[in-house]
Amino acid sequence: MTTMKTKKFRGIPLSVLDLAPITEGSSAEQSFKNSADLAQHVEKWGFHRYWLAEHHNMPGIASSATSVIIGHIAGKTKHIRVGSGGIMLPNHATLVIAEQFGTLESLYPGRIDLGIGRAPGSDQATAFALRRTLHSQVEDFPLQLDELQAYFEVNPTARVRSFPGEGLHIPIWLLGSSGFSAQLAAEKGLPFSFASHFAPDYTLPALNIYRDHFKPSNVLKEPYAMVGVNVIAAETDEKAQWLATSQQQQFLSLRRGEPTQLKPPINNMDDIWDPFERTAIEKTLDSHATIVGAPETVKQKLESFLIETKANEVIINSQIFHHEDRLRSYEIIAEMMN
């Protein structure tokens, strides 16, 4: 396996969260081509890992078959870690996930991450279509996690075993947007990734819960927290703010219950949202965890974000309509790394 030293920003590794956006008038096929191209670029630029997220029934997100696209990206790259940010475990049989990620780790040894969450990644009707039942409860998630971990252990006496999967060391991360997964990650001694990019108000409380209650394990001796942030960078603040209207439109469509493909930038959001919608979306896309601007603006705000959160790692989402602008945004971030 080819290796390369990860570049860092102020001593912190930077990673990529890809929602595999389907832009207006485009297709999932083009989205996957764009994701592979982006992954190849960020690998060259020194980003640490490349994660994809499970969402369903979303016309603007192509990564619903998350394990499949992880394999595609890993096959198009050489050394960057590739994983899920995350797999929504209640949607799946734990054995299936163990087998899928056991397969991925066997194909791309030492490069696969398994980030898991407990949210459905969809609405209730879609959750039912995925699971054929809605009987699972929040309280079931720790048990599912125990089952998943057990499948990766060597246990010749178990009636059901994961092949491939058994005996493989695949890092399991817990993802969250509240205190529940923070508490569970601390209890289990696992790395934790918090979704600051859409739940900024809960970031510090969740990180405090994780760090204050962390119990060392054979996986991790000290807490390790990765925090999500939206970054849209361009040559000027004005262009970055214009590019950011695509993400604002995406959140507006979600708020209205009418998800769409990722729309092109527009000149004035006030033409399409009302004051209440604007307030709600600006609260979700809080300026602390949604950084929009020219290189110096991004640098200053990212530094402040790191000081505030004391994150061990940052994973960056950039919902930008034009692929070239998206590449340039990540390139600007890469240029800040030492």
C-alpha atoms as a PDB file:
ATOM      1  CA  MET A   1       0.000   0.000   0.000  1.00  0.00           C
ATOM      2  CA  THR A   2       1.321   3.425  -0.978  1.00  0.00           C
ATOM      3  CA  THR A   3       1.498   5.806   1.969  1.00  0.00           C
ATOM      4  CA  MET A   4       1.885   9.550   2.183  1.00  0.00           C
ATOM      5  CA  LYS A   5       2.148  11.805   5.194  1.00  0.00           C
ATOM      6  CA  THR A   6      -1.053  13.691   5.937  1.00  0.00           C
ATOM      7  CA  LYS A   7      -0.718  17.458   5.737  1.00  0.00           C
ATOM      8  CA  LYS A   8      -2.207  19.418   8.628  1.00  0.00           C
ATOM      9  CA  PHE A   9      -3.648  22.831   9.435  1.00  0.00           C
ATOM     10  CA  ARG A  10      -2.259  24.134  12.715  1.00  0.00           C
ATOM     11  CA  GLY A  11      -1.296  20.562  13.587  1.00  0.00           C
ATOM     12  CA  ILE A  12      -4.807  19.212  12.894  1.00  0.00           C
ATOM     13  CA  PRO A  13      -5.587  16.729  10.091  1.00  0.00           C
ATOM     14  CA  LEU A  14      -8.281  17.859   7.662  1.00  0.00           C
ATOM     15  CA  SER A  15     -10.636  15.409   5.991  1.00  0.00           C
ATOM     16  CA  VAL A  16     -13.475  15.467   3.461  1.00  0.00           C
ATOM     17  CA  LEU A  17     -17.176  14.693   3.869  1.00  0.00           C
ATOM     18  CA  ASP A  18     -18.795  14.075   0.486  1.00  0.00           C
ATOM     19  CA  LEU A  19     -22.577  13.979   0.163  1.00  0.00           C
ATOM     20  CA  ALA A  20     -22.143  13.011  -3.526  1.00  0.00           C
ATOM     21  CA  PRO A  21     -24.374  15.889  -4.676  1.00  0.00           C
ATOM     22  CA  ILE A  22     -26.544  15.468  -7.742  1.00  0.00           C
ATOM     23  CA  THR A  23     -26.702  18.927  -9.282  1.00  0.00           C
ATOM     24  CA  GLU A  24     -29.782  20.251 -11.052  1.00  0.00           C
ATOM     25  CA  GLY A  25     -30.006  18.779 -14.531  1.00  0.00           C
ATOM     26  CA  SER A  26     -27.270  16.216 -13.852  1.00  0.00           C
ATOM     27  CA  SER A  27     -27.262  12.560 -12.746  1.00  0.00           C
ATOM     28  CA  ALA A  28     -25.914  10.135 -10.162  1.00  0.00           C
ATOM     29  CA  GLU A  29     -23.483   8.885 -12.812  1.00  0.00           C
ATOM     30  CA  GLN A  30     -21.901  12.338 -13.076  1.00  0.00           C
ATOM     31  CA  SER A  31     -21.957  12.741  -9.303  1.00  0.00           C
ATOM     32  CA  PHE A  32     -19.867   9.593  -8.883  1.00  0.00           C
ATOM     33  CA  LYS A  33     -17.399  10.770 -11.535  1.00  0.00           C
ATOM     34  CA  ASN A  34     -17.089  14.082  -9.688  1.00  0.00           C
ATOM     35  CA  SER A  35     -16.588  12.319  -6.348  1.00  0.00           C
ATOM     36  CA  ALA A  36     -13.802  10.149  -7.751  1.00  0.00           C
ATOM     37  CA  ASP A  37     -12.113  13.205  -9.263  1.00  0.00           C
ATOM     38  CA  LEU A  38     -12.428  15.146  -6.006  1.00  0.00           C
ATOM     39  CA  ALA A  39     -11.049  12.199  -4.009  1.00  0.00           C
ATOM     40  CA  GLN A  40      -8.026  11.957  -6.289  1.00  0.00           C
ATOM     41  CA  HIS A  41      -7.344  15.678  -5.926  1.00  0.00           C
ATOM     42  CA  VAL A  42      -7.707  15.847  -2.141  1.00  0.00           C
ATOM     43  CA  GLU A  43      -5.522  12.757  -1.764  1.00  0.00           C
ATOM     44  CA  LYS A  44      -2.811  14.563  -3.715  1.00  0.00           C
ATOM     45  CA  TRP A  45      -3.326  17.715  -1.630  1.00  0.00           C
ATOM     46  CA  GLY A  46      -2.778  15.881   1.666  1.00  0.00           C
ATOM     47  CA  PHE A  47      -6.256  15.411   3.176  1.00  0.00           C
ATOM     48  CA  HIS A  48      -6.426  12.577   5.685  1.00  0.00           C
ATOM     49  CA  ARG A  49      -9.675  10.726   4.990  1.00  0.00           C
ATOM     50  CA  TYR A  50     -12.654  10.801   2.616  1.00  0.00           C
ATOM     51  CA  TRP A  51     -16.053   9.899   4.013  1.00  0.00           C
ATOM     52  CA  LEU A  52     -19.445   9.438   2.369  1.00  0.00           C
ATOM     53  CA  ALA A  53     -22.831   9.706   4.056  1.00  0.00           C
ATOM     54  CA  GLU A  54     -25.920   7.511   3.921  1.00  0.00           C
ATOM     55  CA  HIS A  55     -29.080   9.349   2.913  1.00  0.00           C
ATOM     56  CA  HIS A  56     -32.229   7.977   1.293  1.00  0.00           C
ATOM     57  CA  ASN A  57     -35.095   9.377  -0.761  1.00  0.00           C
ATOM     58  CA  MET A  58     -33.047  12.525  -1.455  1.00  0.00           C
ATOM     59  CA  PRO A  59     -32.924  13.557  -5.120  1.00  0.00           C
ATOM     60  CA  GLY A  60     -29.839  15.683  -4.517  1.00  0.00           C
ATOM     61  CA  ILE A  61     -27.675  13.049  -2.771  1.00  0.00           C
ATOM     62  CA  ALA A  62     -26.303   9.997  -4.606  1.00  0.00           C
ATOM     63  CA  SER A  63     -24.587   8.115  -1.758  1.00  0.00           C
ATOM     64  CA  SER A  64     -27.533   5.986  -0.595  1.00  0.00           C
ATOM     65  CA  ALA A  65     -25.665   2.716  -1.320  1.00  0.00           C
ATOM     66  CA  THR A  66     -22.834   3.963   0.843  1.00  0.00           C
ATOM     67  CA  SER A  67     -20.718   0.813   0.976  1.00  0.00           C
ATOM     68  CA  VAL A  68     -20.748   0.558  -2.820  1.00  0.00           C
ATOM     69  CA  ILE A  69     -19.554   4.120  -3.385  1.00  0.00           C
ATOM     70  CA  ILE A  70     -16.881   3.705  -0.678  1.00  0.00           C
ATOM     71  CA  GLY A  71     -15.486   0.809  -2.707  1.00  0.00           C
ATOM     72  CA  HIS A  72     -15.592   2.922  -5.857  1.00  0.00           C
ATOM     73  CA  ILE A  73     -13.673   5.787  -4.233  1.00  0.00           C
ATOM     74  CA  ALA A  74     -11.139   3.477  -2.586  1.00  0.00           C
ATOM     75  CA  GLY A  75     -10.524   1.849  -5.954  1.00  0.00           C
ATOM     76  CA  LYS A  76      -9.876   5.226  -7.596  1.00  0.00           C
ATOM     77  CA  THR A  77      -7.363   6.343  -4.941  1.00  0.00           C
ATOM     78  CA  LYS A  78      -4.146   4.945  -3.475  1.00  0.00           C
ATOM     79  CA  HIS A  79      -3.632   5.818   0.172  1.00  0.00           C
ATOM     80  CA  ILE A  80      -6.295   8.189   1.551  1.00  0.00           C
ATOM     81  CA  ARG A  81      -8.565   6.568   4.157  1.00  0.00           C
ATOM     82  CA  VAL A  82     -12.113   6.051   2.854  1.00  0.00           C
ATOM     83  CA  GLY A  83     -15.163   5.431   4.971  1.00  0.00           C
ATOM     84  CA  SER A  84     -18.713   6.186   6.022  1.00  0.00           C
ATOM     85  CA  GLY A  85     -19.837   9.375   7.633  1.00  0.00           C
ATOM     86  CA  GLY A  86     -21.909   7.467   8.290  1.00  0.00           C
ATOM     87  CA  ILE A  87     -23.775   4.234   7.934  1.00  0.00           C
ATOM     88  CA  MET A  88     -27.127   4.566   9.712  1.00  0.00           C
ATOM     89  CA  LEU A  89     -26.976   1.273  11.601  1.00  0.00           C
ATOM     90  CA  PRO A  90     -30.692   0.934  12.487  1.00  0.00           C
ATOM     91  CA  ASN A  91     -31.416   0.712   8.731  1.00  0.00           C
ATOM     92  CA  HIS A  92     -29.404  -2.500   8.395  1.00  0.00           C
ATOM     93  CA  ALA A  93     -28.769  -5.943   9.793  1.00  0.00           C
ATOM     94  CA  THR A  94     -25.476  -5.684  11.674  1.00  0.00           C
ATOM     95  CA  LEU A  95     -24.189  -8.861   9.997  1.00  0.00           C
ATOM     96  CA  VAL A  96     -24.648  -7.284   6.569  1.00  0.00           C
ATOM     97  CA  ILE A  97     -22.635  -4.213   7.572  1.00  0.00           C
ATOM     98  CA  ALA A  98     -19.896  -6.403   9.081  1.00  0.00           C
ATOM     99  CA  GLU A  99     -19.703  -8.400   5.842  1.00  0.00           C
ATOM    100  CA  GLN A 100     -19.726  -5.306   3.644  1.00  0.00           C
ATOM    101  CA  PHE A 101     -16.977  -3.547   5.559  1.00  0.00           C
ATOM    102  CA  GLY A 102     -15.068  -6.785   5.999  1.00  0.00           C
ATOM    103  CA  THR A 103     -15.118  -7.021   2.213  1.00  0.00           C
ATOM    104  CA  LEU A 104     -13.984  -3.414   1.804  1.00  0.00           C
ATOM    105  CA  GLU A 105     -11.154  -3.838   4.313  1.00  0.00           C
ATOM    106  CA  SER A 106     -10.063  -7.043   2.563  1.00  0.00           C
ATOM    107  CA  LEU A 107      -9.978  -5.226  -0.784  1.00  0.00           C
ATOM    108  CA  TYR A 108      -8.287  -2.073   0.558  1.00  0.00           C
ATOM    109  CA  PRO A 109      -6.422  -3.137   3.725  1.00  0.00           C
ATOM    110  CA  GLY A 110      -5.634  -0.443   6.265  1.00  0.00           C
ATOM    111  CA  ARG A 111      -7.718   2.213   4.519  1.00  0.00           C
ATOM    112  CA  ILE A 112     -11.355   1.686   5.571  1.00  0.00           C
ATOM    113  CA  ASP A 113     -13.275   3.520   8.332  1.00  0.00           C
ATOM    114  CA  LEU A 114     -16.722   2.545   9.609  1.00  0.00           C
ATOM    115  CA  GLY A 115     -18.552   5.563  10.969  1.00  0.00           C
ATOM    116  CA  ILE A 116     -22.026   4.724  12.255  1.00  0.00           C
ATOM    117  CA  GLY A 117     -25.021   6.744  13.392  1.00  0.00           C
ATOM    118  CA  ARG A 118     -28.453   5.998  14.810  1.00  0.00           C
ATOM    119  CA  ALA A 119     -30.590   8.456  12.789  1.00  0.00           C
ATOM    120  CA  PRO A 120     -32.594   7.041   9.863  1.00  0.00           C
ATOM    121  CA  GLY A 121     -31.064   9.425   7.301  1.00  0.00           C
ATOM    122  CA  SER A 122     -34.561   9.732   5.863  1.00  0.00           C
ATOM    123  CA  ASP A 123     -38.214  10.270   6.738  1.00  0.00           C
ATOM    124  CA  GLN A 124     -40.410   7.723   8.534  1.00  0.00           C
ATOM    125  CA  ALA A 125     -41.932   6.284   5.352  1.00  0.00           C
ATOM    126  CA  THR A 126     -38.490   5.729   3.865  1.00  0.00           C
ATOM    127  CA  ALA A 127     -37.237   4.235   7.124  1.00  0.00           C
ATOM    128  CA  PHE A 128     -40.109   1.735   6.959  1.00  0.00           C
ATOM    129  CA  ALA A 129     -39.280   0.905   3.334  1.00  0.00           C
ATOM    130  CA  LEU A 130     -35.680   0.214   4.373  1.00  0.00           C
ATOM    131  CA  ARG A 131     -36.372  -1.757   7.544  1.00  0.00           C
ATOM    132  CA  ARG A 132     -39.911  -3.136   6.967  1.00  0.00           C
ATOM    133  CA  THR A 133     -40.552  -2.227  10.604  1.00  0.00           C
ATOM    134  CA  LEU A 134     -40.350   0.813  12.846  1.00  0.00           C
ATOM    135  CA  HIS A 135     -40.185  -1.197  16.069  1.00  0.00           C
ATOM    136  CA  SER A 136     -36.530  -0.434  16.751  1.00  0.00           C
ATOM    137  CA  GLN A 137     -35.941   2.069  19.526  1.00  0.00           C
ATOM    138  CA  VAL A 138     -33.106   4.457  20.369  1.00  0.00           C
ATOM    139  CA  GLU A 139     -32.266   2.113  23.225  1.00  0.00           C
ATOM    140  CA  ASP A 140     -31.528  -0.654  20.697  1.00  0.00           C
ATOM    141  CA  PHE A 141     -28.561   1.178  19.173  1.00  0.00           C
ATOM    142  CA  PRO A 142     -25.992   0.219  21.862  1.00  0.00           C
ATOM    143  CA  LEU A 143     -26.988  -3.421  21.408  1.00  0.00           C
ATOM    144  CA  GLN A 144     -26.562  -3.119  17.648  1.00  0.00           C
ATOM    145  CA  LEU A 145     -23.122  -1.635  18.228  1.00  0.00           C
ATOM    146  CA  ASP A 146     -22.197  -4.560  20.510  1.00  0.00           C
ATOM    147  CA  GLU A 147     -23.341  -7.011  17.827  1.00  0.00           C
ATOM    148  CA  LEU A 148     -21.317  -5.221  15.144  1.00  0.00           C
ATOM    149  CA  GLN A 149     -18.164  -5.211  17.242  1.00  0.00           C
ATOM    150  CA  ALA A 150     -18.640  -8.908  18.047  1.00  0.00           C
ATOM    151  CA  TYR A 151     -18.710  -9.810  14.352  1.00  0.00           C
ATOM    152  CA  PHE A 152     -15.197  -8.387  13.940  1.00  0.00           C
ATOM    153  CA  GLU A 153     -13.862 -10.464  16.843  1.00  0.00           C
ATOM    154  CA  VAL A 154     -12.542 -13.998  16.403  1.00  0.00           C
ATOM    155  CA  ASN A 155     -15.049 -16.317  18.062  1.00  0.00           C
ATOM    156  CA  PRO A 156     -14.972 -19.919  16.770  1.00  0.00           C
ATOM    157  CA  THR A 157     -17.913 -20.886  19.000  1.00  0.00           C
ATOM    158  CA  ALA A 158     -20.341 -18.241  17.654  1.00  0.00           C
ATOM    159  CA  ARG A 159     -23.267 -19.662  15.670  1.00  0.00           C
ATOM    160  CA  VAL A 160     -23.163 -16.736  13.228  1.00  0.00           C
ATOM    161  CA  ARG A 161     -19.849 -15.295  12.050  1.00  0.00           C
ATOM    162  CA  SER A 162     -18.879 -12.633   9.521  1.00  0.00           C
ATOM    163  CA  PHE A 163     -16.757 -13.796   6.591  1.00  0.00           C
ATOM    164  CA  PRO A 164     -15.036 -11.573   5.598  1.00  0.00           C
ATOM    165  CA  GLY A 165     -14.979  -9.394   8.680  1.00  0.00           C
ATOM    166  CA  GLU A 166     -13.919 -11.621  11.541  1.00  0.00           C
ATOM    167  CA  GLY A 167     -10.478 -10.734  12.869  1.00  0.00           C
ATOM    168  CA  LEU A 168     -10.173  -7.522  10.880  1.00  0.00           C
ATOM    169  CA  HIS A 169      -9.268  -4.265  12.599  1.00  0.00           C
ATOM    170  CA  ILE A 170     -11.667  -1.739  11.093  1.00  0.00           C
ATOM    171  CA  PRO A 171     -11.904   1.526  13.054  1.00  0.00           C
ATOM    172  CA  ILE A 172     -15.465   2.095  14.276  1.00  0.00           C
ATOM    173  CA  TRP A 173     -16.483   5.713  14.864  1.00  0.00           C
ATOM    174  CA  LEU A 174     -19.680   6.927  16.477  1.00  0.00           C
ATOM    175  CA  LEU A 175     -21.343   9.885  14.779  1.00  0.00           C
ATOM    176  CA  GLY A 176     -23.804  12.205  16.425  1.00  0.00           C
ATOM    177  CA  SER A 177     -25.634  15.514  16.473  1.00  0.00           C
ATOM    178  CA  SER A 178     -26.606  15.355  20.166  1.00  0.00           C
ATOM    179  CA  GLY A 179     -25.315  14.007  23.448  1.00  0.00           C
ATOM    180  CA  PHE A 180     -26.516  10.401  23.024  1.00  0.00           C
ATOM    181  CA  SER A 181     -23.714   9.158  20.761  1.00  0.00           C
ATOM    182  CA  ALA A 182     -21.196  11.319  22.629  1.00  0.00           C
ATOM    183  CA  GLN A 183     -22.049   9.469  25.838  1.00  0.00           C
ATOM    184  CA  LEU A 184     -21.970   6.065  24.129  1.00  0.00           C
ATOM    185  CA  ALA A 185     -18.651   6.783  22.378  1.00  0.00           C
ATOM    186  CA  ALA A 186     -17.178   7.803  25.720  1.00  0.00           C
ATOM    187  CA  GLU A 187     -18.493   4.681  27.429  1.00  0.00           C
ATOM    188  CA  LYS A 188     -17.120   2.402  24.701  1.00  0.00           C
ATOM    189  CA  GLY A 189     -13.797   4.226  24.314  1.00  0.00           C
ATOM    190  CA  LEU A 190     -14.385   4.915  20.603  1.00  0.00           C
ATOM    191  CA  PRO A 191     -13.537   7.901  18.409  1.00  0.00           C
ATOM    192  CA  PHE A 192     -16.393  10.379  18.039  1.00  0.00           C
ATOM    193  CA  SER A 193     -17.423  12.605  15.144  1.00  0.00           C
ATOM    194  CA  PHE A 194     -19.883  15.432  15.774  1.00  0.00           C
ATOM    195  CA  ALA A 195     -22.076  16.973  13.063  1.00  0.00           C
ATOM    196  CA  SER A 196     -21.376  20.623  13.803  1.00  0.00           C
ATOM    197  CA  HIS A 197     -22.108  21.445  10.172  1.00  0.00           C
ATOM    198  CA  PHE A 198     -25.846  21.111  10.825  1.00  0.00           C
ATOM    199  CA  ALA A 199     -26.119  21.044  14.639  1.00  0.00           C
ATOM    200  CA  PRO A 200     -23.775  23.858  15.745  1.00  0.00           C
ATOM    201  CA  ASP A 201     -25.573  24.677  19.004  1.00  0.00           C
ATOM    202  CA  TYR A 202     -24.911  21.211  20.447  1.00  0.00           C
ATOM    203  CA  THR A 203     -21.236  21.000  19.463  1.00  0.00           C
ATOM    204  CA  LEU A 204     -19.546  22.076  22.682  1.00  0.00           C
ATOM    205  CA  PRO A 205     -21.985  20.314  25.050  1.00  0.00           C
ATOM    206  CA  ALA A 206     -21.567  17.038  23.136  1.00  0.00           C
ATOM    207  CA  LEU A 207     -17.779  17.334  23.024  1.00  0.00           C
ATOM    208  CA  ASN A 208     -17.715  18.049  26.762  1.00  0.00           C
ATOM    209  CA  ILE A 209     -19.835  14.961  27.464  1.00  0.00           C
ATOM    210  CA  TYR A 210     -17.513  12.842  25.343  1.00  0.00           C
ATOM    211  CA  ARG A 211     -14.301  14.119  26.895  1.00  0.00           C
ATOM    212  CA  ASP A 212     -15.562  14.223  30.486  1.00  0.00           C
ATOM    213  CA  HIS A 213     -16.894  10.645  30.438  1.00  0.00           C
ATOM    214  CA  PHE A 214     -14.347   8.965  28.183  1.00  0.00           C
ATOM    215  CA  LYS A 215     -13.133   5.535  29.315  1.00  0.00           C
ATOM    216  CA  PRO A 216      -9.913   4.209  27.765  1.00  0.00           C
ATOM    217  CA  SER A 217     -10.304   1.030  25.736  1.00  0.00           C
ATOM    218  CA  ASN A 218      -8.159  -1.323  23.709  1.00  0.00           C
ATOM    219  CA  VAL A 219      -9.143   0.848  20.737  1.00  0.00           C
ATOM    220  CA  LEU A 220      -8.322   4.278  22.141  1.00  0.00           C
ATOM    221  CA  LYS A 221      -6.407   5.445  25.205  1.00  0.00           C
ATOM    222  CA  GLU A 222      -7.535   9.080  25.027  1.00  0.00           C
ATOM    223  CA  PRO A 223     -10.603  10.766  23.512  1.00  0.00           C
ATOM    224  CA  TYR A 224     -10.381  11.584  19.813  1.00  0.00           C
ATOM    225  CA  ALA A 225     -12.985  13.971  18.439  1.00  0.00           C
ATOM    226  CA  MET A 226     -13.517  14.930  14.823  1.00  0.00           C
ATOM    227  CA  VAL A 227     -15.863  17.820  14.107  1.00  0.00           C
ATOM    228  CA  GLY A 228     -17.782  18.565  10.912  1.00  0.00           C
ATOM    229  CA  VAL A 229     -17.714  22.002   9.324  1.00  0.00           C
ATOM    230  CA  ASN A 230     -19.078  23.494   6.114  1.00  0.00           C
ATOM    231  CA  VAL A 231     -16.461  25.418   4.160  1.00  0.00           C
ATOM    232  CA  ILE A 232     -17.109  27.305   0.935  1.00  0.00           C
ATOM    233  CA  ALA A 233     -13.958  29.075  -0.196  1.00  0.00           C
ATOM    234  CA  ALA A 234     -13.367  31.198  -3.274  1.00  0.00           C
ATOM    235  CA  GLU A 235     -11.056  33.965  -4.450  1.00  0.00           C
ATOM    236  CA  THR A 236     -13.247  36.658  -2.878  1.00  0.00           C
ATOM    237  CA  ASP A 237     -15.768  36.828  -0.040  1.00  0.00           C
ATOM    238  CA  GLU A 238     -18.418  37.917  -2.537  1.00  0.00           C
ATOM    239  CA  LYS A 239     -17.955  34.915  -4.817  1.00  0.00           C
ATOM    240  CA  ALA A 240     -17.923  32.514  -1.859  1.00  0.00           C
ATOM    241  CA  GLN A 241     -21.168  33.994  -0.529  1.00  0.00           C
ATOM    242  CA  TRP A 242     -22.716  33.603  -3.984  1.00  0.00           C
ATOM    243  CA  LEU A 243     -21.589  29.962  -4.180  1.00  0.00           C
ATOM    244  CA  ALA A 244     -23.038  29.361  -0.694  1.00  0.00           C
ATOM    245  CA  THR A 245     -26.564  30.079  -1.928  1.00  0.00           C
ATOM    246  CA  SER A 246     -26.677  26.541  -3.384  1.00  0.00           C
ATOM    247  CA  GLN A 247     -26.337  25.077   0.101  1.00  0.00           C
ATOM    248  CA  GLN A 248     -28.834  27.590   1.485  1.00  0.00           C
ATOM    249  CA  GLN A 249     -31.338  26.532  -1.176  1.00  0.00           C
ATOM    250  CA  GLN A 250     -30.743  22.887  -0.283  1.00  0.00           C
ATOM    251  CA  PHE A 251     -31.582  23.514   3.378  1.00  0.00           C
ATOM    252  CA  LEU A 252     -34.578  25.626   2.353  1.00  0.00           C
ATOM    253  CA  SER A 253     -35.971  22.758   0.264  1.00  0.00           C
ATOM    254  CA  LEU A 254     -35.474  20.366   3.186  1.00  0.00           C
ATOM    255  CA  ARG A 255     -37.232  22.752   5.549  1.00  0.00           C
ATOM    256  CA  ARG A 256     -40.178  22.924   3.160  1.00  0.00           C
ATOM    257  CA  GLY A 257     -40.293  19.138   2.895  1.00  0.00           C
ATOM    258  CA  GLU A 258     -39.518  19.323  -0.823  1.00  0.00           C
ATOM    259  CA  PRO A 259     -35.929  18.083  -1.293  1.00  0.00           C
ATOM    260  CA  THR A 260     -34.448  18.839  -4.695  1.00  0.00           C
ATOM    261  CA  GLN A 261     -31.265  18.362  -6.653  1.00  0.00           C
ATOM    262  CA  LEU A 262     -28.510  20.815  -5.697  1.00  0.00           C
ATOM    263  CA  LYS A 263     -29.445  24.097  -7.348  1.00  0.00           C
ATOM    264  CA  PRO A 264     -27.119  26.627  -9.016  1.00  0.00           C
ATOM    265  CA  PRO A 265     -26.182  29.786  -7.103  1.00  0.00           C
ATOM    266  CA  ILE A 266     -28.501  32.784  -7.188  1.00  0.00           C
ATOM    267  CA  ASN A 267     -27.907  36.470  -6.570  1.00  0.00           C
ATOM    268  CA  ASN A 268     -30.426  37.069  -3.781  1.00  0.00           C
ATOM    269  CA  MET A 269     -31.850  34.503  -1.370  1.00  0.00           C
ATOM    270  CA  ASP A 270     -34.373  37.054  -0.134  1.00  0.00           C
ATOM    271  CA  ASP A 271     -36.202  36.512  -3.426  1.00  0.00           C
ATOM    272  CA  ILE A 272     -37.105  32.953  -2.425  1.00  0.00           C
ATOM    273  CA  TRP A 273     -37.202  32.654   1.389  1.00  0.00           C
ATOM    274  CA  ASP A 274     -39.296  34.485   3.974  1.00  0.00           C
ATOM    275  CA  PRO A 275     -37.836  36.051   7.145  1.00  0.00           C
ATOM    276  CA  PHE A 276     -38.745  33.042   9.309  1.00  0.00           C
ATOM    277  CA  GLU A 277     -37.093  30.602   6.899  1.00  0.00           C
ATOM    278  CA  ARG A 278     -34.038  32.806   6.682  1.00  0.00           C
ATOM    279  CA  THR A 279     -33.676  32.936  10.471  1.00  0.00           C
ATOM    280  CA  ALA A 280     -34.060  29.169  10.830  1.00  0.00           C
ATOM    281  CA  ILE A 281     -31.569  28.325   8.084  1.00  0.00           C
ATOM    282  CA  GLU A 282     -29.012  30.869   9.256  1.00  0.00           C
ATOM    283  CA  LYS A 283     -29.270  29.313  12.717  1.00  0.00           C
ATOM    284  CA  THR A 284     -28.632  25.851  11.258  1.00  0.00           C
ATOM    285  CA  LEU A 285     -25.791  27.131   9.088  1.00  0.00           C
ATOM    286  CA  ASP A 286     -24.252  29.011  11.994  1.00  0.00           C
ATOM    287  CA  SER A 287     -21.202  31.101  11.078  1.00  0.00           C
ATOM    288  CA  HIS A 288     -19.017  29.152  13.532  1.00  0.00           C
ATOM    289  CA  ALA A 289     -19.487  25.849  11.701  1.00  0.00           C
ATOM    290  CA  THR A 290     -20.287  27.211   8.234  1.00  0.00           C
ATOM    291  CA  ILE A 291     -17.295  29.133   6.955  1.00  0.00           C
ATOM    292  CA  VAL A 292     -17.755  31.115   3.772  1.00  0.00           C
ATOM    293  CA  GLY A 293     -15.214  33.466   2.256  1.00  0.00           C
ATOM    294  CA  ALA A 294     -11.908  34.264   0.621  1.00  0.00           C
ATOM    295  CA  PRO A 295      -8.739  32.411   1.694  1.00  0.00           C
ATOM    296  CA  GLU A 296      -7.857  34.745   4.574  1.00  0.00           C
ATOM    297  CA  THR A 297     -11.438  34.758   5.852  1.00  0.00           C
ATOM    298  CA  VAL A 298     -11.549  30.959   5.798  1.00  0.00           C
ATOM    299  CA  LYS A 299      -8.173  30.699   7.501  1.00  0.00           C
ATOM    300  CA  GLN A 300      -9.148  33.005  10.366  1.00  0.00           C
ATOM    301  CA  LYS A 301     -12.547  31.387  10.935  1.00  0.00           C
ATOM    302  CA  LEU A 302     -11.153  27.858  10.774  1.00  0.00           C
ATOM    303  CA  GLU A 303      -8.508  28.794  13.336  1.00  0.00           C
ATOM    304  CA  SER A 304     -11.220  30.177  15.629  1.00  0.00           C
ATOM    305  CA  PHE A 305     -13.282  27.017  15.162  1.00  0.00           C
ATOM    306  CA  LEU A 306     -10.322  24.848  16.164  1.00  0.00           C
ATOM    307  CA  ILE A 307      -9.599  26.963  19.227  1.00  0.00           C
ATOM    308  CA  GLU A 308     -13.245  26.802  20.295  1.00  0.00           C
ATOM    309  CA  THR A 309     -13.767  23.067  19.785  1.00  0.00           C
ATOM    310  CA  LYS A 310     -10.230  21.767  20.525  1.00  0.00           C
ATOM    311  CA  ALA A 311     -10.954  19.190  17.814  1.00  0.00           C
ATOM    312  CA  ASN A 312      -8.432  16.466  17.064  1.00  0.00           C
ATOM    313  CA  GLU A 313      -9.529  16.488  13.421  1.00  0.00           C
ATOM    314  CA  VAL A 314     -11.890  18.447  11.174  1.00  0.00           C
ATOM    315  CA  ILE A 315     -14.008  16.965   8.381  1.00  0.00           C
ATOM    316  CA  ILE A 316     -15.121  19.445   5.738  1.00  0.00           C
ATOM    317  CA  ASN A 317     -18.320  19.444   3.703  1.00  0.00           C
ATOM    318  CA  SER A 318     -18.541  21.753   0.685  1.00  0.00           C
ATOM    319  CA  GLN A 319     -21.908  21.774  -1.082  1.00  0.00           C
ATOM    320  CA  ILE A 320     -20.973  23.717  -4.217  1.00  0.00           C
ATOM    321  CA  PHE A 321     -22.834  23.491  -7.526  1.00  0.00           C
ATOM    322  CA  HIS A 322     -20.041  23.634 -10.104  1.00  0.00           C
ATOM    323  CA  HIS A 323     -17.447  20.879  -9.798  1.00  0.00           C
ATOM    324  CA  GLU A 324     -14.612  23.243 -10.695  1.00  0.00           C
ATOM    325  CA  ASP A 325     -15.621  25.644  -7.913  1.00  0.00           C
ATOM    326  CA  ARG A 326     -15.823  22.736  -5.467  1.00  0.00           C
ATOM    327  CA  LEU A 327     -12.349  21.590  -6.404  1.00  0.00           C
ATOM    328  CA  ARG A 328     -11.021  25.109  -6.017  1.00  0.00           C
ATOM    329  CA  SER A 329     -12.612  25.439  -2.572  1.00  0.00           C
ATOM    330  CA  TYR A 330     -10.779  22.350  -1.314  1.00  0.00           C
ATOM    331  CA  GLU A 331      -7.594  23.496  -3.053  1.00  0.00           C
ATOM    332  CA  ILE A 332      -7.729  26.802  -1.154  1.00  0.00           C
ATOM    333  CA  ILE A 333      -8.059  24.842   2.094  1.00  0.00           C
ATOM    334  CA  ALA A 334      -5.160  22.614   1.060  1.00  0.00           C
ATOM    335  CA  GLU A 335      -2.998  25.661   0.426  1.00  0.00           C
ATOM    336  CA  MET A 336      -3.390  26.584   4.115  1.00  0.00           C
ATOM    337  CA  MET A 337      -1.933  23.255   5.268  1.00  0.00           C
ATOM    338  CA  ASN A 338       1.716  23.132   6.272  1.00  0.00           C
END
